[in-house]
Structure formats: structure tokens, C-alpha cells
């Protein structure tokens, strides 16, 4: 059965690390152990993917208001 929604962009772990400014692979997997990383999808071949919208929301949730003026 086909779904009637646009397909979400799936990012590799390498792409996620690059998007996060070069976070190390070790740090990313440590975050996963601590349940601090963005939610991942495990493919049948064992590789992980992160949906673009999930990563964007995860980053936004962690944004700090450095100017103190609210959002």
C-alpha cells in the first residue's frame, strides 16, 4: 500500500556529523547510548539514517537564546 506523503530525506550518520559541524562519530554514538542523539532509523542492513525533519527539530530544540530576547 503506497503512502500519500512526500518522502522524507534520510541522512547518513556521516551527513549528520557534517551538519553538526564535525561532531565525531564516537560522540554521536555516545549520545545514542545516553539517548541524547536525534531519533535514528535502523535499516535492514544495520545502517542508521536520520530523517532531515527530525534532525532539524532536534537542533532547534537545543538552540540557546544567546541574546536573551526570546524567540
PDB file of N, CA and C in Angstrom:
ATOM      1  N   UNK A   1       0.850  -1.172   0.000  1.00  0.00           N
ATOM      2  CA  UNK A   1       0.000   0.000   0.000  1.00  0.00           C
ATOM      3  C   UNK A   1       0.896   1.236   0.000  1.00  0.00           C
ATOM      4  N   UNK A   2       0.713   2.113  -0.947  1.00  0.00           N
ATOM      5  CA  UNK A   2       1.517   3.325  -1.065  1.00  0.00           C
ATOM      6  C   UNK A   2       0.993   4.394  -0.111  1.00  0.00           C
ATOM      7  N   UNK A   3       1.908   5.181   0.404  1.00  0.00           N
ATOM      8  CA  UNK A   3       1.523   6.278   1.293  1.00  0.00           C
ATOM      9  C   UNK A   3       1.450   7.554   0.475  1.00  0.00           C
ATOM     10  N   UNK A   4       0.518   8.406   0.840  1.00  0.00           N
ATOM     11  CA  UNK A   4       0.313   9.654   0.110  1.00  0.00           C
ATOM     12  C   UNK A   4       0.991  10.830   0.800  1.00  0.00           C
ATOM     13  N   UNK A   5       2.254  10.673   1.125  1.00  0.00           N
ATOM     14  CA  UNK A   5       3.002  11.766   1.723  1.00  0.00           C
ATOM     15  C   UNK A   5       4.352  11.843   1.023  1.00  0.00           C
ATOM     16  N   UNK A   6       4.932  13.028   0.996  1.00  0.00           N
ATOM     17  CA  UNK A   6       6.237  13.142   0.354  1.00  0.00           C
ATOM     18  C   UNK A   6       7.279  12.357   1.139  1.00  0.00           C
ATOM     19  N   UNK A   7       8.219  11.782   0.431  1.00  0.00           N
ATOM     20  CA  UNK A   7       9.245  11.006   1.126  1.00  0.00           C
ATOM     21  C   UNK A   7      10.177  11.947   1.870  1.00  0.00           C
ATOM     22  N   UNK A   8      10.532  11.557   3.076  1.00  0.00           N
ATOM     23  CA  UNK A   8      11.428  12.363   3.901  1.00  0.00           C
ATOM     24  C   UNK A   8      12.866  12.072   3.484  1.00  0.00           C
ATOM     25  N   UNK A   9      13.692  13.107   3.500  1.00  0.00           N
ATOM     26  CA  UNK A   9      15.104  12.923   3.193  1.00  0.00           C
ATOM     27  C   UNK A   9      15.755  12.168   4.343  1.00  0.00           C
ATOM     28  N   UNK A  10      16.461  11.105   4.025  1.00  0.00           N
ATOM     29  CA  UNK A  10      17.164  10.320   5.032  1.00  0.00           C
ATOM     30  C   UNK A  10      18.652  10.621   4.948  1.00  0.00           C
ATOM     31  N   UNK A  11      19.229  11.015   6.072  1.00  0.00           N
ATOM     32  CA  UNK A  11      20.642  11.366   6.126  1.00  0.00           C
ATOM     33  C   UNK A  11      21.449  10.220   6.708  1.00  0.00           C
ATOM     34  N   UNK A  12      22.647  10.015   6.190  1.00  0.00           N
ATOM     35  CA  UNK A  12      23.561   9.031   6.764  1.00  0.00           C
ATOM     36  C   UNK A  12      24.163   9.626   8.033  1.00  0.00           C
ATOM     37  N   UNK A  13      24.780   8.783   8.838  1.00  0.00           N
ATOM     38  CA  UNK A  13      25.445   9.272  10.047  1.00  0.00           C
ATOM     39  C   UNK A  13      26.533  10.270   9.644  1.00  0.00           C
ATOM     40  N   UNK A  14      27.273   9.992   8.601  1.00  0.00           N
ATOM     41  CA  UNK A  14      28.321  10.911   8.144  1.00  0.00           C
ATOM     42  C   UNK A  14      27.739  12.282   7.810  1.00  0.00           C
ATOM     43  N   UNK A  15      26.605  12.306   7.122  1.00  0.00           N
ATOM     44  CA  UNK A  15      25.969  13.583   6.784  1.00  0.00           C
ATOM     45  C   UNK A  15      25.527  14.330   8.030  1.00  0.00           C
ATOM     46  N   UNK A  16      24.984  13.593   8.994  1.00  0.00           N
ATOM     47  CA  UNK A  16      24.556  14.215  10.254  1.00  0.00           C
ATOM     48  C   UNK A  16      25.755  14.837  10.968  1.00  0.00           C
ATOM     49  N   UNK A  17      26.870  14.109  11.021  1.00  0.00           N
ATOM     50  CA  UNK A  17      28.069  14.611  11.688  1.00  0.00           C
ATOM     51  C   UNK A  17      28.563  15.888  11.025  1.00  0.00           C
ATOM     52  N   UNK A  18      28.528  15.920   9.699  1.00  0.00           N
ATOM     53  CA  UNK A  18      28.938  17.118   8.965  1.00  0.00           C
ATOM     54  C   UNK A  18      27.996  18.284   9.259  1.00  0.00           C
ATOM     55  N   UNK A  19      26.702  18.004   9.281  1.00  0.00           N
ATOM     56  CA  UNK A  19      25.702  19.050   9.565  1.00  0.00           C
ATOM     57  C   UNK A  19      25.900  19.634  10.960  1.00  0.00           C
ATOM     58  N   UNK A  20      26.376  18.822  11.873  1.00  0.00           N
ATOM     59  CA  UNK A  20      26.572  19.269  13.250  1.00  0.00           C
ATOM     60  C   UNK A  20      27.955  19.885  13.452  1.00  0.00           C
ATOM     61  N   UNK A  21      28.605  20.227  12.377  1.00  0.00           N
ATOM     62  CA  UNK A  21      29.877  20.936  12.461  1.00  0.00           C
ATOM     63  C   UNK A  21      31.073  20.058  12.732  1.00  0.00           C
ATOM     64  N   UNK A  22      30.987  18.798  12.350  1.00  0.00           N
ATOM     65  CA  UNK A  22      32.138  17.921  12.507  1.00  0.00           C
ATOM     66  C   UNK A  22      32.187  17.172  13.828  1.00  0.00           C
ATOM     67  N   UNK A  23      31.045  16.951  14.428  1.00  0.00           N
ATOM     68  CA  UNK A  23      30.985  16.126  15.646  1.00  0.00           C
ATOM     69  C   UNK A  23      31.582  14.760  15.309  1.00  0.00           C
ATOM     70  N   UNK A  24      32.330  14.196  16.233  1.00  0.00           N
ATOM     71  CA  UNK A  24      32.965  12.902  15.954  1.00  0.00           C
ATOM     72  C   UNK A  24      31.946  11.768  15.978  1.00  0.00           C
ATOM     73  N   UNK A  25      32.276  10.711  15.263  1.00  0.00           N
ATOM     74  CA  UNK A  25      31.430   9.522  15.222  1.00  0.00           C
ATOM     75  C   UNK A  25      31.281   8.950  16.629  1.00  0.00           C
ATOM     76  N   UNK A  26      32.380   8.929  17.364  1.00  0.00           N
ATOM     77  CA  UNK A  26      32.356   8.406  18.734  1.00  0.00           C
ATOM     78  C   UNK A  26      31.378   9.194  19.606  1.00  0.00           C
ATOM     79  N   UNK A  27      31.412  10.533  19.480  1.00  0.00           N
ATOM     80  CA  UNK A  27      30.496  11.373  20.260  1.00  0.00           C
ATOM     81  C   UNK A  27      29.049  11.080  19.885  1.00  0.00           C
ATOM     82  N   UNK A  28      28.779  10.949  18.595  1.00  0.00           N
ATOM     83  CA  UNK A  28      27.415  10.670  18.148  1.00  0.00           C
ATOM     84  C   UNK A  28      26.905   9.356  18.739  1.00  0.00           C
ATOM     85  N   UNK A  29      27.727   8.324  18.696  1.00  0.00           N
ATOM     86  CA  UNK A  29      27.288   7.035  19.238  1.00  0.00           C
ATOM     87  C   UNK A  29      27.185   7.070  20.768  1.00  0.00           C
ATOM     88  N   UNK A  30      27.995   7.890  21.409  1.00  0.00           N
ATOM     89  CA  UNK A  30      27.861   8.075  22.866  1.00  0.00           C
ATOM     90  C   UNK A  30      26.526   8.752  23.172  1.00  0.00           C
ATOM     91  N   UNK A  31      26.184   9.774  22.368  1.00  0.00           N
ATOM     92  CA  UNK A  31      24.882  10.425  22.536  1.00  0.00           C
ATOM     93  C   UNK A  31      23.762   9.404  22.383  1.00  0.00           C
ATOM     94  N   UNK A  32      23.906   8.473  21.432  1.00  0.00           N
ATOM     95  CA  UNK A  32      22.878   7.437  21.257  1.00  0.00           C
ATOM     96  C   UNK A  32      22.761   6.580  22.504  1.00  0.00           C
ATOM     97  N   UNK A  33      23.899   6.192  23.074  1.00  0.00           N
ATOM     98  CA  UNK A  33      23.887   5.390  24.309  1.00  0.00           C
ATOM     99  C   UNK A  33      23.162   6.119  25.434  1.00  0.00           C
ATOM    100  N   UNK A  34      23.359   7.434  25.481  1.00  0.00           N
ATOM    101  CA  UNK A  34      22.756   8.250  26.534  1.00  0.00           C
ATOM    102  C   UNK A  34      21.361   8.751  26.163  1.00  0.00           C
ATOM    103  N   UNK A  35      20.866   8.328  25.013  1.00  0.00           N
ATOM    104  CA  UNK A  35      19.553   8.738  24.487  1.00  0.00           C
ATOM    105  C   UNK A  35      19.468  10.257  24.325  1.00  0.00           C
ATOM    106  N   UNK A  36      20.569  10.861  23.862  1.00  0.00           N
ATOM    107  CA  UNK A  36      20.622  12.297  23.624  1.00  0.00           C
ATOM    108  C   UNK A  36      20.643  12.632  22.132  1.00  0.00           C
ATOM    109  N   UNK A  37      20.896  11.654  21.294  1.00  0.00           N
ATOM    110  CA  UNK A  37      21.006  11.865  19.847  1.00  0.00           C
ATOM    111  C   UNK A  37      19.621  11.964  19.218  1.00  0.00           C
ATOM    112  N   UNK A  38      19.561  12.517  18.002  1.00  0.00           N
ATOM    113  CA  UNK A  38      18.276  12.516  17.295  1.00  0.00           C
ATOM    114  C   UNK A  38      17.840  11.068  17.019  1.00  0.00           C
ATOM    115  N   UNK A  39      16.544  10.864  16.938  1.00  0.00           N
ATOM    116  CA  UNK A  39      15.996   9.535  16.685  1.00  0.00           C
ATOM    117  C   UNK A  39      16.483   9.018  15.341  1.00  0.00           C
ATOM    118  N   UNK A  40      16.969   7.788  15.353  1.00  0.00           N
ATOM    119  CA  UNK A  40      17.510   7.170  14.141  1.00  0.00           C
ATOM    120  C   UNK A  40      16.591   6.065  13.635  1.00  0.00           C
ATOM    121  N   UNK A  41      16.747   5.766  12.366  1.00  0.00           N
ATOM    122  CA  UNK A  41      16.061   4.640  11.733  1.00  0.00           C
ATOM    123  C   UNK A  41      17.127   3.610  11.413  1.00  0.00           C
ATOM    124  N   UNK A  42      16.946   2.373  11.869  1.00  0.00           N
ATOM    125  CA  UNK A  42      17.891   1.314  11.538  1.00  0.00           C
ATOM    126  C   UNK A  42      17.354   0.560  10.315  1.00  0.00           C
ATOM    127  N   UNK A  43      18.130   0.573   9.259  1.00  0.00           N
ATOM    128  CA  UNK A  43      17.756  -0.117   8.029  1.00  0.00           C
ATOM    129  C   UNK A  43      17.989  -1.616   8.188  1.00  0.00           C
ATOM    130  N   UNK A  44      17.381  -2.434   7.318  1.00  0.00           N
ATOM    131  CA  UNK A  44      17.571  -3.886   7.414  1.00  0.00           C
ATOM    132  C   UNK A  44      19.040  -4.319   7.344  1.00  0.00           C
ATOM    133  N   UNK A  45      19.889  -3.513   6.690  1.00  0.00           N
ATOM    134  CA  UNK A  45      21.314  -3.862   6.600  1.00  0.00           C
ATOM    135  C   UNK A  45      22.101  -3.398   7.825  1.00  0.00           C
ATOM    136  N   UNK A  46      21.413  -2.817   8.821  1.00  0.00           N
ATOM    137  CA  UNK A  46      22.044  -2.396  10.055  1.00  0.00           C
ATOM    138  C   UNK A  46      22.511  -0.954  10.074  1.00  0.00           C
ATOM    139  N   UNK A  47      22.523  -0.293   8.925  1.00  0.00           N
ATOM    140  CA  UNK A  47      22.950   1.102   8.872  1.00  0.00           C
ATOM    141  C   UNK A  47      21.885   2.010   9.476  1.00  0.00           C
ATOM    142  N   UNK A  48      22.353   3.152   9.986  1.00  0.00           N
ATOM    143  CA  UNK A  48      21.442   4.124  10.586  1.00  0.00           C
ATOM    144  C   UNK A  48      21.184   5.275   9.629  1.00  0.00           C
ATOM    145  N   UNK A  49      19.988   5.822   9.720  1.00  0.00           N
ATOM    146  CA  UNK A  49      19.620   7.027   8.985  1.00  0.00           C
ATOM    147  C   UNK A  49      18.853   7.931   9.934  1.00  0.00           C
ATOM    148  N   UNK A  50      18.929   9.232   9.664  1.00  0.00           N
ATOM    149  CA  UNK A  50      18.184  10.220  10.429  1.00  0.00           C
ATOM    150  C   UNK A  50      17.369  11.035   9.442  1.00  0.00           C
ATOM    151  N   UNK A  51      16.083  11.149   9.700  1.00  0.00           N
ATOM    152  CA  UNK A  51      15.247  11.972   8.821  1.00  0.00           C
ATOM    153  C   UNK A  51      15.634  13.428   8.960  1.00  0.00           C
ATOM    154  N   UNK A  52      15.671  14.139   7.851  1.00  0.00           N
ATOM    155  CA  UNK A  52      16.041  15.564   7.830  1.00  0.00           C
ATOM    156  C   UNK A  52      15.181  16.372   8.799  1.00  0.00           C
ATOM    157  N   UNK A  53      13.855  16.147   8.776  1.00  0.00           N
ATOM    158  CA  UNK A  53      12.977  16.922   9.647  1.00  0.00           C
ATOM    159  C   UNK A  53      13.234  16.620  11.121  1.00  0.00           C
ATOM    160  N   UNK A  54      13.602  15.391  11.431  1.00  0.00           N
ATOM    161  CA  UNK A  54      13.911  15.016  12.815  1.00  0.00           C
ATOM    162  C   UNK A  54      15.193  15.709  13.272  1.00  0.00           C
ATOM    163  N   UNK A  55      16.219  15.729  12.411  1.00  0.00           N
ATOM    164  CA  UNK A  55      17.462  16.403  12.760  1.00  0.00           C
ATOM    165  C   UNK A  55      17.240  17.896  12.948  1.00  0.00           C
ATOM    166  N   UNK A  56      16.500  18.506  12.032  1.00  0.00           N
ATOM    167  CA  UNK A  56      16.236  19.951  12.138  1.00  0.00           C
ATOM    168  C   UNK A  56      15.502  20.286  13.439  1.00  0.00           C
ATOM    169  N   UNK A  57      14.512  19.479  13.797  1.00  0.00           N
ATOM    170  CA  UNK A  57      13.763  19.710  15.042  1.00  0.00           C
ATOM    171  C   UNK A  57      14.663  19.496  16.255  1.00  0.00           C
ATOM    172  N   UNK A  58      15.521  18.479  16.201  1.00  0.00           N
ATOM    173  CA  UNK A  58      16.444  18.172  17.296  1.00  0.00           C
ATOM    174  C   UNK A  58      17.391  19.348  17.537  1.00  0.00           C
ATOM    175  N   UNK A  59      17.929  19.897  16.456  1.00  0.00           N
ATOM    176  CA  UNK A  59      18.829  21.048  16.572  1.00  0.00           C
ATOM    177  C   UNK A  59      18.077  22.258  17.135  1.00  0.00           C
ATOM    178  N   UNK A  60      16.875  22.504  16.622  1.00  0.00           N
ATOM    179  CA  UNK A  60      16.083  23.653  17.074  1.00  0.00           C
ATOM    180  C   UNK A  60      15.757  23.555  18.569  1.00  0.00           C
ATOM    181  N   UNK A  61      15.473  22.345  19.045  1.00  0.00           N
ATOM    182  CA  UNK A  61      15.166  22.142  20.467  1.00  0.00           C
ATOM    183  C   UNK A  61      16.346  22.495  21.361  1.00  0.00           C
ATOM    184  N   UNK A  62      17.548  22.415  20.804  1.00  0.00           N
ATOM    185  CA  UNK A  62      18.753  22.663  21.587  1.00  0.00           C
ATOM    186  C   UNK A  62      19.317  24.062  21.413  1.00  0.00           C
ATOM    187  N   UNK A  63      18.645  24.866  20.605  1.00  0.00           N
ATOM    188  CA  UNK A  63      19.114  26.240  20.370  1.00  0.00           C
ATOM    189  C   UNK A  63      19.002  27.048  21.651  1.00  0.00           C
ATOM    190  N   UNK A  64      20.034  27.813  21.935  1.00  0.00           N
ATOM    191  CA  UNK A  64      20.027  28.680  23.102  1.00  0.00           C
ATOM    192  C   UNK A  64      19.776  30.106  22.658  1.00  0.00           C
ATOM    193  N   UNK A  65      19.044  30.824  23.465  1.00  0.00           N
ATOM    194  CA  UNK A  65      18.761  32.225  23.166  1.00  0.00           C
ATOM    195  C   UNK A  65      19.922  33.049  23.713  1.00  0.00           C
ATOM    196  N   UNK A  66      20.939  33.266  22.884  1.00  0.00           N
ATOM    197  CA  UNK A  66      22.139  33.941  23.347  1.00  0.00           C
ATOM    198  C   UNK A  66      21.940  35.431  23.585  1.00  0.00           C
ATOM    199  N   UNK A  67      20.872  36.001  23.039  1.00  0.00           N
ATOM    200  CA  UNK A  67      20.634  37.434  23.198  1.00  0.00           C
ATOM    201  C   UNK A  67      19.644  37.754  24.319  1.00  0.00           C
ATOM    202  N   UNK A  68      18.988  36.742  24.869  1.00  0.00           N
ATOM    203  CA  UNK A  68      18.089  36.951  25.991  1.00  0.00           C
ATOM    204  C   UNK A  68      16.783  37.646  25.650  1.00  0.00           C
ATOM    205  N   UNK A  69      16.473  37.754  24.356  1.00  0.00           N
ATOM    206  CA  UNK A  69      15.265  38.467  23.975  1.00  0.00           C
ATOM    207  C   UNK A  69      14.103  37.583  23.597  1.00  0.00           C
ATOM    208  N   UNK A  70      14.219  36.296  23.838  1.00  0.00           N
ATOM    209  CA  UNK A  70      13.148  35.385  23.430  1.00  0.00           C
ATOM    210  C   UNK A  70      13.240  35.055  21.966  1.00  0.00           C
ATOM    211  N   UNK A  71      12.351  34.205  21.522  1.00  0.00           N
ATOM    212  CA  UNK A  71      12.387  33.773  20.122  1.00  0.00           C
ATOM    213  C   UNK A  71      11.497  34.609  19.305  1.00  0.00           C
TER     214      UNK A  71
END
